[in-house]
Amino acid sequence: MISPMALLHRMRCRGLMASPSTRLRPVTATLCAAALALLTACGGGGGDDAKKGGDGAGKSTASPVVTPTATAPVTRGKGSALPDDLNGDGRPELRIPLASGQELGSLRRIAYVYGAAKGVDPAVRTVLGRADLGLPTGAGWQERDAGEMHSATTADLDGDGFADVIATATKQRDPAGTERVHITTQTLPYITWGGPEGPRRGAPATPVRLADADDGLEIPRPLTAGDFNGDGHHDLAAVRQAGKDFHVMYGPFGRDGRAARTKTYANPLGPGGQIAELYADAIDGDRPTDLVVHAQGDDDQMESALLTAGPDGLATTGRTLRKGNAIAFGDFDGDEERDVAVADTGSRNDEPGYETEPADVSQSVSVYTKRAAGSTPSPIRIPALGGDVLAAADTDGDGTDELAVSLRTGGTELLTIRPDAPGEIAHRRTLDRTVPARVDGRKVPKKQRAVKLFGAGDFDHDGKDEAVLAWGPDPLFALYGEKPQRFWVTDGTRDKVVFTSAPYEKGAS
């Protein structure tokens, strides 16, 4: 029996949840109401249950919400260097995956809430499905797999200042391909090119291609965006089919989907293991982005390797990291160098002894700093730790990131790490938002009212990050678009924006 926590981890690895490190043309009000009706309350978000929590962080519930009368128009920007800025106005967008509980492993739609002066503006949003992105539809060995979308990320692959959407989707193999294999479908990554009005709607998406190959890149796992040589062009990294090695496609990309060059890297964890996922540092100007290669496991906490980036690209050998399935990049010691945090998500397999992990892993997080590159960090013990999301957030803009961790009991902690002792906490703030006893006419048990960490980002582009918290009516709230979810965008002390997402229209593609 797989626990909800283990299933959450498994689904995030398939690209259905927001990345721990991570992030159009306006749609009509009718479509938004059918697909993602966003209700907004800007400001404190106090609610009837509001009361002070740990260290003044405050406990709050969603304020009474009002329905926007229409979708506000999307501002057309002049372009930016951000990988998650769809309209080029210099502010990133908040990505909300909408999956289906009836189609476990698939991604039905992606909602993008636009960055704005107050954090995010739920009235300015767009919802993209498979047809909108130009992904293949109507083919597959089972009808429910027809054109199935599995993951999506964003990057400005052609360097025009507007983020493109890169999604993996299943299509039927060409007849010639089925002569060599028995599997009649294949999963490929596609690019939906961006522009001042966001991704092009309805035009066929472009398959991602290797620099020296005519065929599309067949890959079932999500792609990761970065700038792995620091040249200012966005790159893509993808685990190959068997999980034994991975490609890095260095940009810029042509409109034919072909990278400027491609390099294949061996598994830095050794020849015996398989790669489950790749984690890239956030793209920031022309800073080279390091990459973490994470090992495949059956819901166990698994080890990783950190590959540093430089002008020539990624290193071929890396630093071995401890076991843990939550990973985040940030500058946690304030030395202007990028660090990596690894934490225990709480997921376990169902083999004998699965309830426990080694003492240096169980309910702990470890911060690997550049200044202490030759040493093994002491784990930070957090008795209630256990959540799929780990994030870096500089909420006060001082250049040092706080480490945002999820708690098993619900809630989020913002940890300030001692710069001289990465295994110790200098300061902590608790974000313990809750929902009322009744939500949408349904009684919510007390143990299910806690709001959880969803991600972080500087959505108003003021130099200070906001933490994004979310709540849903069941443990898999972050996966499903079938049930309403509530979101809090907070600076760690006050809630800047609170909004609710409504279910997508069932039966729609």
Protein backbone atom coordinates (compact mmCIF):
# COMPACT_ATOMS: atom_id res chain seq x y z
CA MET A 1 0.00 0.00 0.00
CA ILE A 2 1.55 3.28 -1.11
CA SER A 3 1.11 6.12 1.34
CA PRO A 4 -0.20 9.53 0.20
CA MET A 5 3.27 10.99 0.91
CA ALA A 6 4.96 8.39 -1.29
CA LEU A 7 2.41 8.95 -4.05
CA LEU A 8 3.00 12.69 -3.86
CA HIS A 9 6.71 12.13 -4.42
CA ARG A 10 6.10 9.75 -7.28
CA MET A 11 3.76 12.20 -8.98
CA ARG A 12 6.12 15.14 -8.54
CA CYS A 13 8.85 13.12 -10.24
CA ARG A 14 6.45 12.79 -13.18
CA GLY A 15 6.18 16.54 -13.40
CA LEU A 16 2.66 17.03 -12.04
CA MET A 17 3.65 19.23 -9.13
CA ALA A 18 5.53 22.44 -8.87
CA SER A 19 9.29 22.05 -8.92
CA PRO A 20 10.96 22.64 -5.51
CA SER A 21 13.20 25.15 -7.08
CA THR A 22 10.49 26.51 -9.11
CA ARG A 23 7.90 28.42 -12.01
CA LEU A 24 -0.16 34.49 -23.00
CA ARG A 25 -2.63 35.31 -24.62
CA PRO A 26 -5.60 36.06 -22.35
CA VAL A 27 -8.39 33.51 -22.43
CA THR A 28 -12.03 34.45 -22.24
CA ALA A 29 -13.87 34.66 -18.95
CA THR A 30 -16.03 31.69 -20.00
CA LEU A 31 -13.04 29.43 -20.56
CA CYS A 32 -11.42 30.51 -17.32
CA ALA A 33 -14.62 29.85 -15.41
CA ALA A 34 -14.76 26.36 -16.87
CA ALA A 35 -11.11 25.56 -16.42
CA LEU A 36 -9.77 27.57 -13.50
CA ALA A 37 -12.00 30.14 -11.86
CA LEU A 38 -9.66 32.20 -9.71
CA LEU A 39 -11.18 34.18 -6.87
CA THR A 40 -8.99 36.78 -5.24
CA ALA A 41 -8.67 38.63 -1.95
CA CYS A 42 -5.66 40.93 -1.75
CA GLY A 43 -4.09 41.94 1.55
CA GLY A 44 -3.94 40.37 4.97
CA GLY A 45 -6.14 37.34 4.41
CA GLY A 46 -7.00 37.20 8.09
CA GLY A 47 -10.37 35.46 8.26
CA ASP A 48 -12.31 34.41 11.34
CA ASP A 49 -9.68 31.98 12.55
CA ALA A 50 -6.78 34.43 12.32
CA LYS A 51 -4.42 34.50 15.26
CA LYS A 52 -0.74 34.97 15.83
CA GLY A 53 1.49 31.97 15.25
CA GLY A 54 5.15 31.20 15.81
CA ASP A 55 7.47 34.21 15.78
CA GLY A 56 4.74 36.55 14.63
CA ALA A 57 4.32 34.78 11.32
CA GLY A 58 0.57 34.70 11.85
CA LYS A 59 -2.09 32.10 11.28
CA SER A 60 -4.68 33.09 8.72
CA THR A 61 -7.40 31.69 6.55
CA ALA A 62 -8.65 32.88 3.20
CA SER A 63 -10.58 36.12 3.43
CA PRO A 64 -14.03 36.32 1.83
CA VAL A 65 -13.37 36.17 -1.88
CA VAL A 66 -14.98 37.93 -4.80
CA THR A 67 -15.29 36.74 -8.37
CA PRO A 68 -13.62 38.96 -10.96
CA THR A 69 -16.21 40.15 -13.46
CA ALA A 70 -13.86 39.40 -16.34
CA THR A 71 -10.34 38.31 -17.04
CA ALA A 72 -8.06 41.33 -16.96
CA PRO A 73 -6.01 41.77 -20.13
CA VAL A 74 -2.45 40.53 -20.12
CA THR A 75 0.15 43.28 -20.32
CA ARG A 76 2.41 42.95 -23.33
CA GLY A 77 5.96 43.39 -22.16
CA LYS A 78 9.04 44.13 -24.21
CA GLY A 79 10.74 40.89 -23.22
CA SER A 80 12.94 39.78 -20.33
CA ALA A 81 15.60 37.21 -19.51
CA LEU A 82 13.38 35.31 -17.04
CA PRO A 83 12.63 31.67 -17.90
CA ASP A 84 9.08 31.85 -16.51
CA ASP A 85 7.92 35.24 -17.82
CA LEU A 86 5.30 34.46 -20.45
CA ASN A 87 4.39 38.04 -21.36
CA GLY A 88 7.86 39.57 -21.10
CA ASP A 89 6.99 42.20 -18.48
CA GLY A 90 9.90 41.32 -16.18
CA ARG A 91 7.83 39.40 -13.61
CA PRO A 92 7.60 35.60 -13.39
CA GLU A 93 4.34 33.69 -13.50
CA LEU A 94 3.03 31.18 -10.93
CA ARG A 95 2.46 27.77 -12.51
CA ILE A 96 -0.34 25.57 -11.18
CA PRO A 97 -0.54 22.06 -12.69
CA LEU A 98 -4.05 20.64 -13.03
CA ALA A 99 -4.04 16.85 -13.08
CA SER A 100 -6.86 14.36 -13.02
CA GLY A 101 -7.47 11.82 -10.30
CA GLN A 102 -9.08 9.64 -12.93
CA GLU A 103 -5.95 9.73 -15.09
CA LEU A 104 -3.16 9.15 -12.60
CA GLY A 105 0.10 10.27 -14.15
CA SER A 106 -1.39 12.68 -16.66
CA LEU A 107 -1.52 16.46 -16.72
CA ARG A 108 -4.79 17.80 -18.07
CA ARG A 109 -4.07 21.52 -18.00
CA ILE A 110 -1.58 24.08 -16.75
CA ALA A 111 -2.71 27.35 -15.20
CA TYR A 112 -0.38 30.35 -15.21
CA VAL A 113 -1.19 33.20 -12.82
CA TYR A 114 0.66 36.34 -13.88
CA GLY A 115 3.14 38.17 -11.70
CA ALA A 116 2.02 41.65 -10.64
CA ALA A 117 2.82 44.53 -8.30
CA LYS A 118 1.18 42.75 -5.34
CA GLY A 119 2.74 39.36 -5.95
CA VAL A 120 0.43 37.63 -8.39
CA ASP A 121 -2.83 38.81 -9.90
CA PRO A 122 -5.39 35.98 -10.11
CA ALA A 123 -7.52 38.07 -12.47
CA VAL A 124 -4.71 37.87 -15.02
CA ARG A 125 -4.25 34.22 -15.81
CA THR A 126 -4.40 31.70 -18.58
CA VAL A 127 -5.14 27.99 -18.71
CA LEU A 128 -3.50 25.81 -21.35
CA GLY A 129 -4.55 22.32 -22.35
CA ARG A 130 -3.10 19.89 -24.83
CA ALA A 131 -4.87 21.40 -27.81
CA ASP A 132 -3.89 24.95 -26.78
CA LEU A 133 -0.23 23.91 -26.69
CA GLY A 134 -0.46 22.19 -30.06
CA LEU A 135 0.41 18.78 -28.64
CA PRO A 136 -0.55 15.61 -30.54
CA THR A 137 -4.08 14.35 -29.85
CA GLY A 138 -6.26 11.47 -30.97
CA ALA A 139 -3.56 8.79 -31.14
CA GLY A 140 -2.50 6.10 -28.72
CA TRP A 141 -2.87 2.43 -27.94
CA GLN A 142 -5.59 3.28 -25.44
CA GLU A 143 -7.98 6.13 -26.08
CA ARG A 144 -7.39 7.67 -22.65
CA ASP A 145 -3.66 7.94 -23.49
CA ALA A 146 -4.37 9.89 -26.66
CA GLY A 147 -2.08 12.89 -26.66
CA GLU A 148 -1.53 12.53 -22.93
CA MET A 149 0.53 15.35 -21.43
CA HIS A 150 2.93 14.32 -18.66
CA SER A 151 4.95 17.36 -17.64
CA ALA A 152 5.62 20.98 -18.52
CA THR A 153 8.29 23.58 -17.82
CA THR A 154 9.22 26.96 -19.27
CA ALA A 155 12.38 28.54 -20.70
CA ASP A 156 13.22 31.11 -23.36
CA LEU A 157 14.86 28.70 -25.78
CA ASP A 158 15.10 31.03 -28.79
CA GLY A 159 16.17 34.11 -26.81
CA ASP A 160 13.35 36.41 -27.94
CA GLY A 161 12.54 37.53 -24.37
CA PHE A 162 9.34 35.49 -24.03
CA ALA A 163 9.19 32.13 -22.25
CA ASP A 164 8.33 29.03 -24.24
CA VAL A 165 6.46 26.04 -22.81
CA ILE A 166 8.22 22.67 -23.05
CA ALA A 167 5.82 19.78 -22.45
CA THR A 168 6.18 16.00 -22.80
CA ALA A 169 3.30 14.19 -24.47
CA THR A 170 2.47 10.74 -25.79
CA LYS A 171 1.89 10.20 -29.51
CA GLN A 172 1.41 7.25 -31.79
CA ARG A 173 4.60 5.96 -33.36
CA ASP A 174 5.09 6.35 -37.07
CA PRO A 175 4.22 3.09 -38.89
CA ALA A 176 7.89 2.55 -39.76
CA GLY A 177 8.81 2.74 -36.08
CA THR A 178 6.37 0.02 -35.03
CA GLU A 179 8.19 -2.50 -37.22
CA ARG A 180 11.17 -2.40 -34.85
CA VAL A 181 9.35 -2.32 -31.51
CA HIS A 182 6.14 -3.70 -30.07
CA ILE A 183 5.20 -0.49 -28.24
CA THR A 184 3.01 1.61 -30.51
CA THR A 185 3.31 4.91 -28.62
CA GLN A 186 6.21 7.15 -27.70
CA THR A 187 6.66 10.11 -25.38
CA LEU A 188 8.39 13.18 -26.79
CA PRO A 189 9.10 16.70 -25.55
CA TYR A 190 7.55 19.53 -27.55
CA ILE A 191 8.10 23.29 -27.63
CA THR A 192 5.21 25.73 -27.81
CA TRP A 193 6.89 28.98 -28.79
CA GLY A 194 6.16 32.13 -26.80
CA GLY A 195 5.57 35.73 -27.77
CA PRO A 196 4.16 39.04 -26.45
CA GLU A 197 0.74 37.41 -26.03
CA GLY A 198 2.13 34.23 -24.55
CA PRO A 199 2.47 30.77 -26.12
CA ARG A 200 0.98 30.39 -29.57
CA ARG A 201 -2.41 28.72 -29.35
CA GLY A 202 -3.45 26.00 -31.73
CA ALA A 203 -0.30 25.88 -33.88
CA PRO A 204 1.42 22.46 -33.87
CA ALA A 205 4.15 22.28 -31.23
CA THR A 206 7.74 21.66 -32.33
CA PRO A 207 9.45 18.42 -31.23
CA VAL A 208 12.71 18.93 -29.33
CA ARG A 209 15.60 17.69 -31.42
CA LEU A 210 19.21 16.85 -30.66
CA ALA A 211 21.81 18.92 -32.46
CA ASP A 212 23.06 16.00 -34.56
CA ALA A 213 19.86 13.98 -35.08
CA ASP A 214 16.87 14.29 -37.35
CA ASP A 215 14.47 12.39 -35.10
CA GLY A 216 12.70 13.84 -32.09
CA LEU A 217 14.08 13.08 -28.63
CA GLU A 218 12.14 10.20 -27.07
CA ILE A 219 12.11 10.66 -23.32
CA PRO A 220 9.44 9.85 -20.71
CA ARG A 221 10.78 12.02 -17.87
CA PRO A 222 10.37 15.78 -17.40
CA LEU A 223 13.01 18.05 -18.91
CA THR A 224 14.92 20.55 -16.78
CA ALA A 225 15.80 24.07 -17.88
CA GLY A 226 19.03 25.85 -16.95
CA ASP A 227 22.00 27.79 -18.29
CA PHE A 228 24.70 25.20 -17.81
CA ASN A 229 27.54 27.20 -19.40
CA GLY A 230 26.53 30.70 -18.31
CA ASP A 231 26.32 32.15 -21.83
CA GLY A 232 22.89 33.69 -21.28
CA HIS A 233 21.14 31.15 -23.54
CA HIS A 234 18.68 28.77 -21.86
CA ASP A 235 19.47 25.06 -22.10
CA LEU A 236 17.59 21.82 -21.54
CA ALA A 237 18.68 18.65 -19.73
CA ALA A 238 16.89 15.32 -20.18
CA VAL A 239 17.38 11.83 -18.77
CA ARG A 240 17.68 9.31 -21.57
CA GLN A 241 15.19 6.49 -22.02
CA ALA A 242 17.02 3.83 -19.99
CA GLY A 243 18.02 6.24 -17.21
CA LYS A 244 21.71 5.37 -17.54
CA ASP A 245 22.86 8.80 -18.75
CA PHE A 246 21.45 12.16 -19.77
CA HIS A 247 21.62 14.76 -22.54
CA VAL A 248 22.27 18.46 -22.16
CA MET A 249 21.01 20.48 -25.12
CA TYR A 250 22.82 23.80 -25.12
CA GLY A 251 20.92 26.77 -26.53
CA PRO A 252 19.98 28.79 -28.35
CA PHE A 253 17.40 26.60 -30.07
CA GLY A 254 16.22 27.10 -33.61
CA ARG A 255 12.54 27.19 -34.47
CA ASP A 256 13.03 23.65 -35.83
CA GLY A 257 13.50 22.52 -32.21
CA ARG A 258 17.19 21.80 -32.66
CA ALA A 259 19.75 22.81 -30.01
CA ALA A 260 22.98 24.59 -30.89
CA ARG A 261 24.90 21.59 -29.55
CA THR A 262 24.24 18.47 -27.52
CA LYS A 263 26.45 16.63 -25.05
CA THR A 264 25.72 13.30 -23.38
CA TYR A 265 26.83 12.81 -19.75
CA ALA A 266 27.38 9.51 -17.96
CA ASN A 267 25.55 8.86 -14.71
CA PRO A 268 27.77 10.49 -12.02
CA LEU A 269 26.29 8.11 -9.42
CA GLY A 270 27.98 5.14 -11.07
CA PRO A 271 27.13 2.63 -13.79
CA GLY A 272 24.90 0.44 -11.62
CA GLY A 273 22.11 2.90 -10.86
CA GLN A 274 19.42 4.68 -12.78
CA ILE A 275 18.69 8.39 -12.92
CA ALA A 276 15.23 9.36 -11.77
CA GLU A 277 15.29 13.12 -12.14
CA LEU A 278 17.43 16.18 -12.79
CA TYR A 279 17.27 19.35 -10.65
CA ALA A 280 18.74 22.58 -12.06
CA ASP A 281 19.51 25.77 -10.19
CA ALA A 282 17.33 28.75 -11.06
CA ILE A 283 18.30 30.72 -14.15
CA ASP A 284 19.52 34.18 -13.15
CA GLY A 285 21.12 36.29 -15.87
CA ASP A 286 24.31 34.64 -17.12
CA ARG A 287 25.09 32.78 -13.89
CA PRO A 288 26.05 29.16 -14.70
CA THR A 289 23.44 26.84 -13.21
CA ASP A 290 24.60 23.73 -11.38
CA LEU A 291 22.71 20.45 -11.73
CA VAL A 292 21.77 17.72 -9.27
CA VAL A 293 21.38 14.18 -10.63
CA HIS A 294 18.99 12.17 -8.45
CA ALA A 295 18.91 8.37 -8.31
CA GLN A 296 15.91 6.17 -9.05
CA GLY A 297 14.30 4.40 -6.10
CA ASP A 298 11.09 2.68 -5.08
CA ASP A 299 9.90 5.53 -2.82
CA ASP A 300 13.05 5.20 -0.71
CA GLN A 301 15.07 8.29 0.06
CA MET A 302 17.79 8.18 -2.62
CA GLU A 303 21.24 9.68 -3.10
CA SER A 304 22.22 12.42 -5.56
CA ALA A 305 25.29 13.95 -7.17
CA LEU A 306 25.96 17.67 -7.66
CA LEU A 307 27.57 18.70 -10.97
CA THR A 308 29.00 22.22 -11.02
CA ALA A 309 28.64 24.45 -14.07
CA GLY A 310 31.16 26.71 -15.79
CA PRO A 311 31.97 28.32 -19.15
CA ASP A 312 32.57 24.93 -20.75
CA GLY A 313 29.33 23.46 -19.39
CA LEU A 314 28.70 20.91 -16.67
CA ALA A 315 31.46 18.97 -14.97
CA THR A 316 31.50 15.25 -15.75
CA THR A 317 32.12 14.22 -12.13
CA GLY A 318 30.30 15.50 -9.09
CA ARG A 319 29.99 15.75 -5.34
CA THR A 320 27.98 12.92 -3.78
CA LEU A 321 25.05 14.13 -1.69
CA ARG A 322 23.20 12.33 1.11
CA LYS A 323 19.94 10.49 0.66
CA GLY A 324 16.78 12.54 0.43
CA ASN A 325 14.09 13.21 -2.15
CA ALA A 326 13.56 16.96 -1.68
CA ILE A 327 16.23 19.21 -3.22
CA ALA A 328 16.58 23.00 -3.47
CA PHE A 329 19.27 25.45 -4.58
CA GLY A 330 19.90 28.76 -2.80
CA ASP A 331 22.49 30.96 -1.12
CA PHE A 332 21.83 29.80 2.42
CA ASP A 333 25.02 31.16 4.04
CA GLY A 334 25.12 34.58 2.37
CA ASP A 335 28.51 34.21 0.65
CA GLU A 336 27.07 34.91 -2.83
CA GLU A 337 27.74 31.30 -3.83
CA ARG A 338 25.05 28.76 -4.63
CA ASP A 339 24.39 26.00 -2.11
CA VAL A 340 22.22 22.87 -2.19
CA ALA A 341 19.81 21.59 0.45
CA VAL A 342 18.67 17.95 0.60
CA ALA A 343 15.81 16.78 2.83
CA ASP A 344 13.85 13.68 3.78
CA THR A 345 10.38 13.90 2.23
CA GLY A 346 8.99 11.14 4.43
CA SER A 347 8.19 8.80 1.52
CA ARG A 348 9.06 5.15 2.18
CA ASN A 349 8.69 1.93 0.23
CA ASP A 350 6.66 -0.97 1.58
CA GLU A 351 9.51 -3.39 2.21
CA PRO A 352 10.27 -4.68 5.74
CA GLY A 353 11.81 -1.92 7.84
CA TYR A 354 10.46 0.79 5.53
CA GLU A 355 9.20 2.89 8.46
CA THR A 356 12.68 4.13 9.34
CA GLU A 357 15.66 5.75 7.65
CA PRO A 358 19.20 6.21 9.01
CA ALA A 359 19.56 8.85 11.70
CA ASP A 360 21.40 11.20 9.35
CA VAL A 361 18.45 11.07 6.92
CA SER A 362 15.22 10.63 8.85
CA GLN A 363 13.31 13.91 9.37
CA SER A 364 16.38 16.00 8.60
CA VAL A 365 17.74 18.44 6.04
CA SER A 366 21.40 18.98 5.10
CA VAL A 367 22.82 22.12 3.49
CA TYR A 368 25.89 21.71 1.25
CA THR A 369 27.68 25.04 0.97
CA LYS A 370 30.43 26.08 -1.43
CA ARG A 371 32.61 27.41 1.39
CA ALA A 372 32.61 23.95 3.00
CA ALA A 373 32.83 21.94 -0.21
CA GLY A 374 35.27 19.41 1.21
CA SER A 375 33.21 18.44 4.26
CA THR A 376 30.00 16.58 4.99
CA PRO A 377 27.39 18.87 6.56
CA SER A 378 25.73 17.95 9.82
CA PRO A 379 22.03 17.22 9.30
CA ILE A 380 19.52 19.61 10.81
CA ARG A 381 17.00 17.61 12.77
CA ILE A 382 13.38 18.73 12.35
CA PRO A 383 11.08 16.27 14.17
CA ALA A 384 7.98 17.19 12.15
CA LEU A 385 9.77 17.35 8.77
CA GLY A 386 8.11 15.47 5.97
CA GLY A 387 6.87 17.04 2.78
CA ASP A 388 7.52 16.93 -0.91
CA VAL A 389 8.42 20.60 -1.41
CA LEU A 390 11.67 22.29 -0.39
CA ALA A 391 12.37 25.85 -1.50
CA ALA A 392 14.72 28.82 -1.10
CA ALA A 393 13.13 32.20 -0.36
CA ASP A 394 14.88 35.49 0.35
CA THR A 395 11.84 37.18 1.91
CA ASP A 396 13.71 40.22 3.26
CA GLY A 397 15.92 40.84 0.23
CA ASP A 398 19.22 40.74 2.15
CA GLY A 399 20.84 38.32 -0.30
CA THR A 400 20.68 35.31 2.02
CA ASP A 401 18.01 32.72 1.32
CA GLU A 402 15.84 31.21 3.98
CA LEU A 403 15.14 27.51 3.62
CA ALA A 404 11.42 26.79 3.38
CA VAL A 405 10.55 23.27 4.57
CA SER A 406 7.26 21.38 4.70
CA LEU A 407 6.10 19.83 7.94
CA ARG A 408 4.37 16.48 8.16
CA THR A 409 1.70 17.98 10.39
CA GLY A 410 1.03 20.73 7.87
CA GLY A 411 2.46 24.18 7.84
CA THR A 412 5.80 25.56 6.70
CA GLU A 413 8.94 26.75 8.43
CA LEU A 414 11.32 29.40 7.09
CA LEU A 415 14.78 28.57 8.43
CA THR A 416 17.76 30.91 8.54
CA ILE A 417 20.92 28.79 8.57
CA ARG A 418 23.96 29.85 10.59
CA PRO A 419 26.56 30.92 8.00
CA ASP A 420 29.42 29.53 10.10
CA ALA A 421 27.59 26.29 10.93
CA PRO A 422 25.30 24.99 8.14
CA GLY A 423 24.04 22.27 10.47
CA GLU A 424 22.48 24.77 12.87
CA ILE A 425 19.48 27.10 12.68
CA ALA A 426 19.98 30.76 13.58
CA HIS A 427 16.33 31.75 13.27
CA ARG A 428 13.01 30.19 12.31
CA ARG A 429 9.56 31.45 11.40
CA THR A 430 6.46 29.28 11.24
CA LEU A 431 3.81 29.82 8.57
CA ASP A 432 0.86 27.99 10.09
CA ARG A 433 -2.07 29.11 7.97
CA THR A 434 -5.25 27.04 8.33
CA VAL A 435 -8.67 26.90 6.70
CA PRO A 436 -11.97 27.17 8.61
CA ALA A 437 -13.90 24.21 9.96
CA ARG A 438 -16.19 24.37 6.92
CA VAL A 439 -15.05 25.03 3.36
CA ASP A 440 -17.49 25.21 0.45
CA GLY A 441 -20.19 23.74 2.69
CA ARG A 442 -18.06 20.74 3.61
CA LYS A 443 -16.80 20.00 7.11
CA VAL A 444 -13.00 19.84 7.33
CA PRO A 445 -11.52 17.75 10.17
CA LYS A 446 -9.08 19.69 12.32
CA LYS A 447 -6.11 17.56 11.28
CA GLN A 448 -6.79 18.37 7.61
CA ARG A 449 -6.97 22.18 7.90
CA ALA A 450 -3.25 22.95 7.74
CA VAL A 451 -1.94 24.78 4.69
CA LYS A 452 1.20 23.38 3.02
CA LEU A 453 4.19 24.74 1.13
CA PHE A 454 3.68 24.96 -2.66
CA GLY A 455 6.75 26.93 -3.80
CA ALA A 456 8.42 30.34 -3.79
CA GLY A 457 9.29 33.16 -6.18
CA ASP A 458 9.68 36.91 -6.59
CA PHE A 459 6.37 37.45 -8.39
CA ASP A 460 6.39 41.24 -8.04
CA HIS A 461 10.10 41.49 -8.96
CA ASP A 462 10.94 43.74 -6.01
CA GLY A 463 14.03 41.79 -4.92
CA LYS A 464 12.17 39.96 -2.16
CA ASP A 465 10.73 36.49 -2.55
CA GLU A 466 7.24 35.37 -1.62
CA ALA A 467 6.37 31.93 -0.29
CA VAL A 468 3.37 30.23 -1.87
CA LEU A 469 1.20 28.08 0.38
CA ALA A 470 -1.69 25.90 -0.70
CA TRP A 471 -4.52 23.83 0.71
CA GLY A 472 -6.79 21.21 -0.81
CA PRO A 473 -9.53 18.92 0.50
CA ASP A 474 -7.45 15.72 0.38
CA PRO A 475 -3.76 14.71 0.80
CA LEU A 476 -3.15 14.86 -2.96
CA PHE A 477 -4.45 18.40 -3.29
CA ALA A 478 -1.48 19.58 -5.32
CA LEU A 479 -2.21 17.08 -8.09
CA TYR A 480 -5.84 17.49 -8.84
CA GLY A 481 -7.78 20.14 -10.67
CA GLU A 482 -11.04 18.38 -9.89
CA LYS A 483 -11.39 19.99 -6.46
CA PRO A 484 -10.97 23.61 -5.35
CA GLN A 485 -7.59 24.60 -3.98
CA ARG A 486 -6.70 27.70 -1.98
CA PHE A 487 -3.45 29.62 -2.37
CA TRP A 488 -1.67 32.13 -0.13
CA VAL A 489 1.14 34.30 -1.51
CA THR A 490 2.96 35.63 1.55
CA ASP A 491 6.12 37.56 2.34
CA GLY A 492 6.50 35.45 5.47
CA THR A 493 4.74 37.95 7.72
CA ARG A 494 1.63 39.08 5.87
CA ASP A 495 -0.43 37.57 3.08
CA LYS A 496 -0.14 39.67 -0.06
CA VAL A 497 -2.69 37.72 -2.13
CA VAL A 498 -5.13 34.92 -1.30
CA PHE A 499 -7.18 33.16 -3.97
CA THR A 500 -9.09 29.98 -4.74
CA SER A 501 -8.97 27.82 -7.84
CA ALA A 502 -12.15 26.04 -8.91
CA PRO A 503 -12.25 22.66 -10.66
CA TYR A 504 -11.75 22.38 -14.38
CA GLU A 505 -14.71 21.34 -16.45
CA LYS A 506 -14.93 17.55 -16.46
CA GLY A 507 -14.90 15.98 -19.88
CA ALA A 508 -13.00 18.85 -21.46
CA SER A 509 -9.73 18.07 -23.20
